[in-house]
Protein backbone atom coordinates (compact mmCIF):
# COMPACT_ATOMS: atom_id res chain seq x y z
CA UNK A 1 -0.09 0.03 0.02
CA UNK A 2 1.41 3.49 -0.97
CA UNK A 3 1.92 5.72 2.25
CA UNK A 4 0.80 9.16 2.46
CA UNK A 5 2.94 12.01 1.73
CA UNK A 6 4.08 13.79 4.84
CA UNK A 7 5.08 17.38 5.03
CA UNK A 8 7.11 18.35 7.93
CA UNK A 9 9.64 20.91 9.24
CA UNK A 10 13.10 19.62 8.10
CA UNK A 11 15.85 18.67 10.43
CA UNK A 12 19.32 16.95 10.51
CA UNK A 13 17.73 13.70 9.47
CA UNK A 14 16.85 15.00 6.10
CA UNK A 15 20.19 16.31 4.95
CA UNK A 16 20.59 13.08 2.74
CA UNK A 17 18.19 14.62 0.43
CA UNK A 18 20.13 17.77 -0.52
CA UNK A 19 21.45 16.30 -4.00
CA UNK A 20 18.04 15.50 -5.23
CA UNK A 21 16.49 18.71 -3.97
CA UNK A 22 19.08 20.47 -5.89
CA UNK A 23 18.80 18.44 -8.90
CA UNK A 24 15.19 18.83 -9.03
CA UNK A 25 15.46 22.73 -8.51
CA UNK A 26 17.80 22.78 -11.23
CA UNK A 27 15.70 20.51 -13.71
CA UNK A 28 12.69 22.76 -13.11
CA UNK A 29 14.66 25.95 -13.86
CA UNK A 30 15.91 24.45 -17.26
CA UNK A 31 12.15 23.14 -18.02
CA UNK A 32 10.78 26.56 -17.33
CA UNK A 33 13.50 28.56 -18.87
CA UNK A 34 12.92 31.15 -16.18
CA UNK A 35 15.09 32.14 -13.09
CA UNK A 36 15.71 30.11 -9.94
CA UNK A 37 18.20 31.48 -7.73
CA UNK A 38 20.90 28.88 -7.18
CA UNK A 39 21.78 27.56 -3.62
CA UNK A 40 24.70 25.53 -2.40
CA UNK A 41 24.37 22.07 -0.49
CA UNK A 42 25.83 23.88 2.52
CA UNK A 43 23.39 26.71 2.63
CA UNK A 44 20.23 24.14 2.27
CA UNK A 45 21.81 22.10 4.95
CA UNK A 46 21.80 25.15 7.35
CA UNK A 47 18.31 25.72 6.58
CA UNK A 48 17.33 22.23 7.79
CA UNK A 49 19.74 22.56 10.97
CA UNK A 50 18.12 25.77 11.98
CA UNK A 51 14.34 24.70 11.10
CA UNK A 52 13.81 27.08 8.49
CA UNK A 53 13.10 24.34 5.77
CA UNK A 54 9.96 22.31 4.91
CA UNK A 55 10.32 18.97 3.36
CA UNK A 56 7.70 16.45 1.77
CA UNK A 57 8.30 12.86 1.81
CA UNK A 58 6.54 9.94 0.47
CA UNK A 59 7.90 7.24 2.83
CA UNK A 60 11.69 7.64 1.96
CA UNK A 61 11.10 9.10 -1.64
CA UNK A 62 11.61 12.92 -1.67
CA UNK A 63 8.54 14.72 -2.95
CA UNK A 64 9.25 18.54 -2.27
CA UNK A 65 10.72 21.36 -0.44
CA UNK A 66 11.01 24.95 0.43
CA UNK A 67 12.92 27.13 2.97
CA UNK A 68 12.81 30.39 4.76
CA UNK A 69 15.28 33.08 4.78
CA UNK A 70 15.12 36.29 7.05
CA UNK A 71 16.38 39.93 6.03
CA UNK A 72 16.96 43.36 7.76
CA UNK A 73 17.16 42.06 11.30
CA UNK A 74 14.12 39.77 10.66
CA UNK A 75 11.88 42.70 9.64
CA UNK A 76 11.44 40.81 6.31
CA UNK A 77 11.04 37.09 5.75
CA UNK A 78 10.92 34.93 2.26
CA UNK A 79 9.61 31.41 1.78
CA UNK A 80 11.77 30.49 -1.09
CA UNK A 81 12.84 27.64 -3.22
CA UNK A 82 9.31 25.79 -3.47
CA UNK A 83 9.91 22.69 -5.49
CA UNK A 84 7.82 19.55 -6.01
CA UNK A 85 9.30 16.48 -7.72
CA UNK A 86 7.88 15.70 -11.12
CA UNK A 87 6.39 12.54 -9.92
CA UNK A 88 4.05 14.22 -7.27
CA UNK A 89 2.95 17.37 -9.32
CA UNK A 90 -0.67 17.94 -9.92
CA UNK A 91 -1.64 16.66 -6.35
CA UNK A 92 -1.91 19.84 -4.40
CA UNK A 93 1.40 19.21 -2.72
CA UNK A 94 3.02 22.83 -3.53
CA UNK A 95 0.13 24.12 -1.55
CA UNK A 96 0.63 21.97 1.39
CA UNK A 97 4.48 22.93 1.55
CA UNK A 98 3.53 26.61 0.97
CA UNK A 99 1.15 26.69 3.88
CA UNK A 100 3.55 25.16 6.38
CA UNK A 101 6.35 27.34 5.39
CA UNK A 102 3.98 30.29 5.76
CA UNK A 103 2.59 29.05 8.94
CA UNK A 104 6.33 28.52 10.35
CA UNK A 105 7.41 32.17 9.23
CA UNK A 106 4.27 33.37 11.03
CA UNK A 107 4.81 31.49 14.19
CA UNK A 108 8.67 32.34 14.25
CA UNK A 109 8.45 36.01 13.07
CA UNK A 110 4.77 37.22 13.82
CA UNK A 111 5.72 40.77 13.06
CA UNK A 112 7.69 40.30 10.03
CA UNK A 113 6.51 41.22 6.58
CA UNK A 114 6.56 38.10 4.56
CA UNK A 115 7.43 38.45 0.81
CA UNK A 116 7.94 36.47 -2.47
CA UNK A 117 9.77 37.02 -5.55
CA UNK A 118 8.34 34.55 -8.06
CA UNK A 119 7.82 33.96 -12.01
CA UNK A 120 5.47 30.89 -11.33
CA UNK A 121 1.93 31.41 -11.79
CA UNK A 122 0.98 28.69 -9.22
CA UNK A 123 2.92 30.30 -6.59
CA UNK A 124 1.32 33.58 -7.39
CA UNK A 125 -2.01 32.11 -6.94
CA UNK A 126 -0.99 30.33 -3.65
CA UNK A 127 0.26 34.05 -2.34
CA UNK A 128 -2.88 35.39 -3.22
CA UNK A 129 -5.02 33.01 -1.20
CA UNK A 130 -2.68 33.48 1.75
CA UNK A 131 -3.16 37.26 1.51
CA UNK A 132 -0.14 38.44 -0.42
CA UNK A 133 -0.59 41.52 -2.58
CA UNK A 134 1.58 42.45 -5.70
CA UNK A 135 4.06 45.10 -4.94
CA UNK A 136 6.78 46.87 -6.67
CA UNK A 137 10.58 45.94 -5.78
CA UNK A 138 10.80 49.22 -3.66
CA UNK A 139 8.41 47.42 -1.02
CA UNK A 140 10.57 44.56 -0.73
CA UNK A 141 13.56 44.21 1.46
CA UNK A 142 16.60 46.29 0.31
CA UNK A 143 19.24 43.89 2.04
CA UNK A 144 21.86 43.49 -0.61
CA UNK A 145 22.25 39.91 0.70
CA UNK A 146 18.91 39.23 -0.63
CA UNK A 147 19.29 40.61 -3.99
CA UNK A 148 22.87 39.03 -4.43
CA UNK A 149 20.70 35.55 -4.52
CA UNK A 150 19.42 36.76 -7.72
CA UNK A 151 22.88 36.66 -9.15
CA UNK A 152 22.55 32.75 -10.10
CA UNK A 153 19.46 33.69 -12.27
CA UNK A 154 19.77 33.49 -15.97
CA UNK A 155 17.42 36.76 -15.94
CA UNK A 156 19.65 38.83 -13.66
CA UNK A 157 20.78 41.15 -16.46
CA UNK A 158 17.14 42.43 -16.90
CA UNK A 159 17.29 43.30 -13.02
CA UNK A 160 20.69 45.30 -13.54
CA UNK A 161 19.28 47.01 -16.61
CA UNK A 162 16.21 48.34 -14.81
CA UNK A 163 18.19 49.52 -11.78
CA UNK A 164 16.55 46.74 -9.81
CA UNK A 165 12.93 48.25 -10.44
CA UNK A 166 11.81 45.08 -12.14
CA UNK A 167 12.27 41.89 -13.65
CA UNK A 168 10.88 38.47 -14.91
CA UNK A 169 9.72 37.90 -11.27
CA UNK A 170 6.65 39.56 -9.47
CA UNK A 171 7.14 40.91 -6.24
CA UNK A 172 4.43 39.85 -3.46
CA UNK A 173 4.10 41.07 -0.03
CA UNK A 174 2.00 39.84 3.09
CA UNK A 175 1.86 42.37 5.79
CA UNK A 176 0.84 40.85 9.14
CA UNK A 177 -2.41 41.85 10.69
CA UNK A 178 -4.27 38.56 10.99
CA UNK A 179 -4.27 35.65 13.65
CA UNK A 180 -1.76 33.08 13.39
CA UNK A 181 -2.82 30.22 11.35
CA UNK A 182 -2.66 26.50 12.20
CA UNK A 183 -0.19 25.36 15.07
CA UNK A 184 3.28 23.76 14.30
CA UNK A 185 3.95 20.66 16.14
CA UNK A 186 5.09 20.97 19.78
CA UNK A 187 8.36 19.08 19.25
CA UNK A 188 9.18 21.59 16.31
CA UNK A 189 8.40 24.77 18.53
CA UNK A 190 10.73 23.02 21.28
CA UNK A 191 13.67 22.87 18.50
CA UNK A 192 13.11 26.32 17.37
CA UNK A 193 13.28 27.62 21.12
CA UNK A 194 16.29 25.74 21.60
CA UNK A 195 17.85 27.18 18.61
CA UNK A 196 16.84 30.97 19.46
CA UNK A 197 18.19 30.34 23.12
CA UNK A 198 21.69 29.26 21.71
CA UNK A 199 21.93 32.46 19.61
CA UNK A 200 21.10 34.46 22.75
CA UNK A 201 23.76 32.92 24.72
CA UNK A 202 26.39 33.78 21.92
């Protein structure tokens, strides 16, 4: 019997999926012919260890992934790199992953503005359902480290030519003013508290 697909907050036990995650992202960018910022294996591992990533698994098989980034002293948050393995597309899995990353971001940084930079129509539709609104790039974080992530995209020349005013991607922003959505499991909240307390001690 085929097991159900689980969507969970990633941890160290999921590091073995890094190669297939990166390959799935790379293949999707090639098929779409649009930009997806490249990330290193080390970068994605750090997201898993910091409870800033969500992974979908069908038993031991990789099904999907996304991660969270914070900018400008956590005033802005992005849920990024949303990808679903081709074998699992068309089943509503992207929406489940998106909902959990969004929930995780709201729980961890309830006062942060959550934004998205995407060229995918499906992601735009999901963002709209969650309450994001289309905005100009001026409304997004001005953190240079965020924009540096666009350098690995095939369309970065457009961003440079327009003085970072627009590109192929659409900017979307969620400004928090509603109650927190569905709960994150208690064990994940415990992990997050432990991670935050370590940072405070440092």
